[in-house]
Amino acid sequence: MPVPFNDKIRLINESTGEPMINHGYTIQRADGRFEHGASDSMGFTHMISAHCAEQIKLFVED
């Protein structure tokens, strides 16, 4: 069954406007689970998929 809600988030450096490549992050899902990763070569997180819309929190490592 296809997942109706899926997206990636692009991490952008606020000072330079450039993508944050290979940068660590943590996503907290609506149910409290944490997903950790590093942005790809274009600054995107992994694909976030859900069967219904949800609010998430994104934490970017220093």
PDB file of N, CA and C in Angstrom:
ATOM      1  N   MET A   1       0.842  -1.181   0.000  1.00  0.00           N
ATOM      2  CA  MET A   1       0.000   0.000   0.000  1.00  0.00           C
ATOM      3  C   MET A   1       0.888   1.246   0.000  1.00  0.00           C
ATOM      4  N   PRO A   2       0.650   2.188  -0.906  1.00  0.00           N
ATOM      5  CA  PRO A   2       1.475   3.392  -0.965  1.00  0.00           C
ATOM      6  C   PRO A   2       1.296   4.267   0.274  1.00  0.00           C
ATOM      7  N   VAL A   3       2.345   4.965   0.624  1.00  0.00           N
ATOM      8  CA  VAL A   3       2.310   5.882   1.762  1.00  0.00           C
ATOM      9  C   VAL A   3       1.966   7.273   1.228  1.00  0.00           C
ATOM     10  N   PRO A   4       0.842   7.871   1.680  1.00  0.00           N
ATOM     11  CA  PRO A   4       0.407   9.141   1.096  1.00  0.00           C
ATOM     12  C   PRO A   4       1.232  10.362   1.498  1.00  0.00           C
ATOM     13  N   PHE A   5       1.937  10.283   2.605  1.00  0.00           N
ATOM     14  CA  PHE A   5       2.734  11.420   3.055  1.00  0.00           C
ATOM     15  C   PHE A   5       4.195  11.005   3.108  1.00  0.00           C
ATOM     16  N   ASN A   6       5.011  11.600   2.239  1.00  0.00           N
ATOM     17  CA  ASN A   6       6.449  11.363   2.303  1.00  0.00           C
ATOM     18  C   ASN A   6       7.173  12.582   1.752  1.00  0.00           C
ATOM     19  N   ASP A   7       8.276  12.902   2.375  1.00  0.00           N
ATOM     20  CA  ASP A   7       9.036  14.079   1.977  1.00  0.00           C
ATOM     21  C   ASP A   7      10.427  14.006   2.582  1.00  0.00           C
ATOM     22  N   LYS A   8      11.317  14.801   2.019  1.00  0.00           N
ATOM     23  CA  LYS A   8      12.654  14.999   2.559  1.00  0.00           C
ATOM     24  C   LYS A   8      12.748  16.461   2.964  1.00  0.00           C
ATOM     25  N   ILE A   9      13.638  16.754   3.892  1.00  0.00           N
ATOM     26  CA  ILE A   9      13.871  18.130   4.324  1.00  0.00           C
ATOM     27  C   ILE A   9      15.284  18.514   3.908  1.00  0.00           C
ATOM     28  N   ARG A  10      15.425  19.686   3.319  1.00  0.00           N
ATOM     29  CA  ARG A  10      16.752  20.143   2.910  1.00  0.00           C
ATOM     30  C   ARG A  10      17.318  21.041   4.000  1.00  0.00           C
ATOM     31  N   LEU A  11      18.520  20.694   4.457  1.00  0.00           N
ATOM     32  CA  LEU A  11      19.202  21.483   5.472  1.00  0.00           C
ATOM     33  C   LEU A  11      20.006  22.580   4.777  1.00  0.00           C
ATOM     34  N   ILE A  12      19.734  23.833   5.125  1.00  0.00           N
ATOM     35  CA  ILE A  12      20.397  24.981   4.514  1.00  0.00           C
ATOM     36  C   ILE A  12      21.092  25.792   5.604  1.00  0.00           C
ATOM     37  N   ASN A  13      22.350  26.151   5.365  1.00  0.00           N
ATOM     38  CA  ASN A  13      23.096  27.002   6.284  1.00  0.00           C
ATOM     39  C   ASN A  13      22.499  28.407   6.225  1.00  0.00           C
ATOM     40  N   GLU A  14      22.028  28.916   7.364  1.00  0.00           N
ATOM     41  CA  GLU A  14      21.385  30.229   7.397  1.00  0.00           C
ATOM     42  C   GLU A  14      22.339  31.360   7.022  1.00  0.00           C
ATOM     43  N   SER A  15      23.621  31.218   7.320  1.00  0.00           N
ATOM     44  CA  SER A  15      24.598  32.276   7.043  1.00  0.00           C
ATOM     45  C   SER A  15      24.985  32.345   5.578  1.00  0.00           C
ATOM     46  N   THR A  16      25.186  31.172   4.957  1.00  0.00           N
ATOM     47  CA  THR A  16      25.703  31.136   3.585  1.00  0.00           C
ATOM     48  C   THR A  16      24.638  30.841   2.540  1.00  0.00           C
ATOM     49  N   GLY A  17      23.525  30.246   2.961  1.00  0.00           N
ATOM     50  CA  GLY A  17      22.492  29.844   2.010  1.00  0.00           C
ATOM     51  C   GLY A  17      22.825  28.555   1.276  1.00  0.00           C
ATOM     52  N   GLU A  18      23.940  27.919   1.627  1.00  0.00           N
ATOM     53  CA  GLU A  18      24.386  26.685   0.979  1.00  0.00           C
ATOM     54  C   GLU A  18      23.782  25.461   1.671  1.00  0.00           C
ATOM     55  N   PRO A  19      23.583  24.362   0.918  1.00  0.00           N
ATOM     56  CA  PRO A  19      23.112  23.113   1.529  1.00  0.00           C
ATOM     57  C   PRO A  19      24.126  22.592   2.544  1.00  0.00           C
ATOM     58  N   MET A  20      23.632  22.010   3.614  1.00  0.00           N
ATOM     59  CA  MET A  20      24.490  21.429   4.651  1.00  0.00           C
ATOM     60  C   MET A  20      24.710  19.957   4.305  1.00  0.00           C
ATOM     61  N   ILE A  21      25.817  19.688   3.640  1.00  0.00           N
ATOM     62  CA  ILE A  21      26.137  18.357   3.126  1.00  0.00           C
ATOM     63  C   ILE A  21      26.754  17.494   4.221  1.00  0.00           C
ATOM     64  N   ASN A  22      26.323  16.216   4.296  1.00  0.00           N
ATOM     65  CA  ASN A  22      26.856  15.249   5.262  1.00  0.00           C
ATOM     66  C   ASN A  22      26.795  15.785   6.693  1.00  0.00           C
ATOM     67  N   HIS A  23      25.678  16.399   7.025  1.00  0.00           N
ATOM     68  CA  HIS A  23      25.507  17.017   8.337  1.00  0.00           C
ATOM     69  C   HIS A  23      24.549  16.170   9.170  1.00  0.00           C
ATOM     70  N   GLY A  24      24.925  15.911  10.405  1.00  0.00           N
ATOM     71  CA  GLY A  24      24.115  15.079  11.286  1.00  0.00           C
ATOM     72  C   GLY A  24      22.824  15.760  11.716  1.00  0.00           C
ATOM     73  N   TYR A  25      21.779  14.967  11.883  1.00  0.00           N
ATOM     74  CA  TYR A  25      20.481  15.479  12.327  1.00  0.00           C
ATOM     75  C   TYR A  25      19.728  14.380  13.058  1.00  0.00           C
ATOM     76  N   THR A  26      18.713  14.798  13.806  1.00  0.00           N
ATOM     77  CA  THR A  26      17.781  13.880  14.461  1.00  0.00           C
ATOM     78  C   THR A  26      16.372  14.387  14.196  1.00  0.00           C
ATOM     79  N   ILE A  27      15.485  13.479  13.844  1.00  0.00           N
ATOM     80  CA  ILE A  27      14.074  13.802  13.645  1.00  0.00           C
ATOM     81  C   ILE A  27      13.283  13.110  14.745  1.00  0.00           C
ATOM     82  N   GLN A  28      12.439  13.878  15.430  1.00  0.00           N
ATOM     83  CA  GLN A  28      11.526  13.296  16.416  1.00  0.00           C
ATOM     84  C   GLN A  28      10.148  13.229  15.779  1.00  0.00           C
ATOM     85  N   ARG A  29       9.633  12.004  15.660  1.00  0.00           N
ATOM     86  CA  ARG A  29       8.319  11.780  15.053  1.00  0.00           C
ATOM     87  C   ARG A  29       7.217  12.103  16.054  1.00  0.00           C
ATOM     88  N   ALA A  30       5.988  12.213  15.577  1.00  0.00           N
ATOM     89  CA  ALA A  30       4.842  12.566  16.420  1.00  0.00           C
ATOM     90  C   ALA A  30       4.628  11.567  17.555  1.00  0.00           C
ATOM     91  N   ASP A  31       4.991  10.293  17.324  1.00  0.00           N
ATOM     92  CA  ASP A  31       4.802   9.271  18.366  1.00  0.00           C
ATOM     93  C   ASP A  31       5.967   9.206  19.351  1.00  0.00           C
ATOM     94  N   GLY A  32       6.946  10.123  19.204  1.00  0.00           N
ATOM     95  CA  GLY A  32       8.071  10.191  20.130  1.00  0.00           C
ATOM     96  C   GLY A  32       9.322   9.468  19.673  1.00  0.00           C
ATOM     97  N   ARG A  33       9.220   8.651  18.613  1.00  0.00           N
ATOM     98  CA  ARG A  33      10.404   7.944  18.108  1.00  0.00           C
ATOM     99  C   ARG A  33      11.416   8.935  17.545  1.00  0.00           C
ATOM    100  N   PHE A  34      12.697   8.566  17.648  1.00  0.00           N
ATOM    101  CA  PHE A  34      13.776   9.374  17.091  1.00  0.00           C
ATOM    102  C   PHE A  34      14.400   8.644  15.913  1.00  0.00           C
ATOM    103  N   GLU A  35      14.696   9.394  14.854  1.00  0.00           N
ATOM    104  CA  GLU A  35      15.397   8.864  13.690  1.00  0.00           C
ATOM    105  C   GLU A  35      16.631   9.730  13.481  1.00  0.00           C
ATOM    106  N   HIS A  36      17.794   9.082  13.378  1.00  0.00           N
ATOM    107  CA  HIS A  36      19.061   9.792  13.232  1.00  0.00           C
ATOM    108  C   HIS A  36      19.601   9.575  11.832  1.00  0.00           C
ATOM    109  N   GLY A  37      20.337  10.555  11.338  1.00  0.00           N
ATOM    110  CA  GLY A  37      20.929  10.401  10.020  1.00  0.00           C
ATOM    111  C   GLY A  37      21.899  11.521   9.713  1.00  0.00           C
ATOM    112  N   ALA A  38      22.399  11.503   8.488  1.00  0.00           N
ATOM    113  CA  ALA A  38      23.271  12.557   7.968  1.00  0.00           C
ATOM    114  C   ALA A  38      22.729  12.953   6.605  1.00  0.00           C
ATOM    115  N   SER A  39      22.732  14.238   6.326  1.00  0.00           N
ATOM    116  CA  SER A  39      22.202  14.724   5.051  1.00  0.00           C
ATOM    117  C   SER A  39      23.028  14.191   3.886  1.00  0.00           C
ATOM    118  N   ASP A  40      22.399  14.123   2.730  1.00  0.00           N
ATOM    119  CA  ASP A  40      23.056  13.576   1.542  1.00  0.00           C
ATOM    120  C   ASP A  40      23.894  14.642   0.826  1.00  0.00           C
ATOM    121  N   SER A  41      24.350  14.332  -0.367  1.00  0.00           N
ATOM    122  CA  SER A  41      25.242  15.221  -1.120  1.00  0.00           C
ATOM    123  C   SER A  41      24.559  16.506  -1.589  1.00  0.00           C
ATOM    124  N   MET A  42      23.235  16.570  -1.421  1.00  0.00           N
ATOM    125  CA  MET A  42      22.502  17.795  -1.772  1.00  0.00           C
ATOM    126  C   MET A  42      21.883  18.454  -0.536  1.00  0.00           C
ATOM    127  N   GLY A  43      22.202  17.914   0.646  1.00  0.00           N
ATOM    128  CA  GLY A  43      21.729  18.494   1.895  1.00  0.00           C
ATOM    129  C   GLY A  43      20.391  17.978   2.384  1.00  0.00           C
ATOM    130  N   PHE A  44      19.855  16.919   1.760  1.00  0.00           N
ATOM    131  CA  PHE A  44      18.543  16.391   2.146  1.00  0.00           C
ATOM    132  C   PHE A  44      18.654  15.306   3.215  1.00  0.00           C
ATOM    133  N   THR A  45      17.622  15.251   4.066  1.00  0.00           N
ATOM    134  CA  THR A  45      17.487  14.163   5.031  1.00  0.00           C
ATOM    135  C   THR A  45      16.997  12.912   4.296  1.00  0.00           C
ATOM    136  N   HIS A  46      16.866  11.820   5.043  1.00  0.00           N
ATOM    137  CA  HIS A  46      16.242  10.626   4.477  1.00  0.00           C
ATOM    138  C   HIS A  46      14.751  10.907   4.247  1.00  0.00           C
ATOM    139  N   MET A  47      14.095  10.050   3.502  1.00  0.00           N
ATOM    140  CA  MET A  47      12.665  10.206   3.228  1.00  0.00           C
ATOM    141  C   MET A  47      11.875   9.939   4.510  1.00  0.00           C
ATOM    142  N   ILE A  48      11.009  10.866   4.843  1.00  0.00           N
ATOM    143  CA  ILE A  48      10.135  10.728   6.007  1.00  0.00           C
ATOM    144  C   ILE A  48       8.763  10.333   5.474  1.00  0.00           C
ATOM    145  N   SER A  49       8.280   9.166   5.860  1.00  0.00           N
ATOM    146  CA  SER A  49       7.021   8.635   5.326  1.00  0.00           C
ATOM    147  C   SER A  49       6.032   8.356   6.449  1.00  0.00           C
ATOM    148  N   ALA A  50       4.748   8.615   6.163  1.00  0.00           N
ATOM    149  CA  ALA A  50       3.692   8.347   7.139  1.00  0.00           C
ATOM    150  C   ALA A  50       2.377   8.121   6.401  1.00  0.00           C
ATOM    151  N   HIS A  51       1.479   7.413   7.047  1.00  0.00           N
ATOM    152  CA  HIS A  51       0.161   7.158   6.463  1.00  0.00           C
ATOM    153  C   HIS A  51      -0.798   8.320   6.696  1.00  0.00           C
ATOM    154  N   CYS A  52      -0.458   9.206   7.630  1.00  0.00           N
ATOM    155  CA  CYS A  52      -1.260  10.408   7.848  1.00  0.00           C
ATOM    156  C   CYS A  52      -0.313  11.561   8.178  1.00  0.00           C
ATOM    157  N   ALA A  53      -0.785  12.781   8.001  1.00  0.00           N
ATOM    158  CA  ALA A  53       0.046  13.949   8.281  1.00  0.00           C
ATOM    159  C   ALA A  53       0.437  13.950   9.757  1.00  0.00           C
ATOM    160  N   GLU A  54       1.662  14.370  10.031  1.00  0.00           N
ATOM    161  CA  GLU A  54       2.116  14.445  11.413  1.00  0.00           C
ATOM    162  C   GLU A  54       3.077  15.606  11.571  1.00  0.00           C
ATOM    163  N   GLN A  55       3.159  16.113  12.786  1.00  0.00           N
ATOM    164  CA  GLN A  55       4.111  17.166  13.100  1.00  0.00           C
ATOM    165  C   GLN A  55       5.388  16.503  13.592  1.00  0.00           C
ATOM    166  N   ILE A  56       6.535  16.951  13.066  1.00  0.00           N
ATOM    167  CA  ILE A  56       7.820  16.412  13.497  1.00  0.00           C
ATOM    168  C   ILE A  56       8.677  17.546  14.035  1.00  0.00           C
ATOM    169  N   LYS A  57       9.756  17.170  14.721  1.00  0.00           N
ATOM    170  CA  LYS A  57      10.764  18.138  15.159  1.00  0.00           C
ATOM    171  C   LYS A  57      12.082  17.717  14.530  1.00  0.00           C
ATOM    172  N   LEU A  58      12.829  18.692  14.021  1.00  0.00           N
ATOM    173  CA  LEU A  58      14.125  18.431  13.409  1.00  0.00           C
ATOM    174  C   LEU A  58      15.194  19.102  14.247  1.00  0.00           C
ATOM    175  N   PHE A  59      16.196  18.322  14.659  1.00  0.00           N
ATOM    176  CA  PHE A  59      17.326  18.832  15.420  1.00  0.00           C
ATOM    177  C   PHE A  59      18.572  18.669  14.564  1.00  0.00           C
ATOM    178  N   VAL A  60      19.268  19.784  14.300  1.00  0.00           N
ATOM    179  CA  VAL A  60      20.477  19.760  13.478  1.00  0.00           C
ATOM    180  C   VAL A  60      21.678  19.841  14.407  1.00  0.00           C
ATOM    181  N   GLU A  61      22.642  18.930  14.216  1.00  0.00           N
ATOM    182  CA  GLU A  61      23.832  18.911  15.062  1.00  0.00           C
ATOM    183  C   GLU A  61      24.737  20.093  14.740  1.00  0.00           C
ATOM    184  N   ASP A  62      25.483  20.546  15.755  1.00  0.00           N
ATOM    185  CA  ASP A  62      26.441  21.655  15.561  1.00  0.00           C
ATOM    186  C   ASP A  62      27.614  21.232  14.732  1.00  0.00           C
TER     187      ASP A  62
END
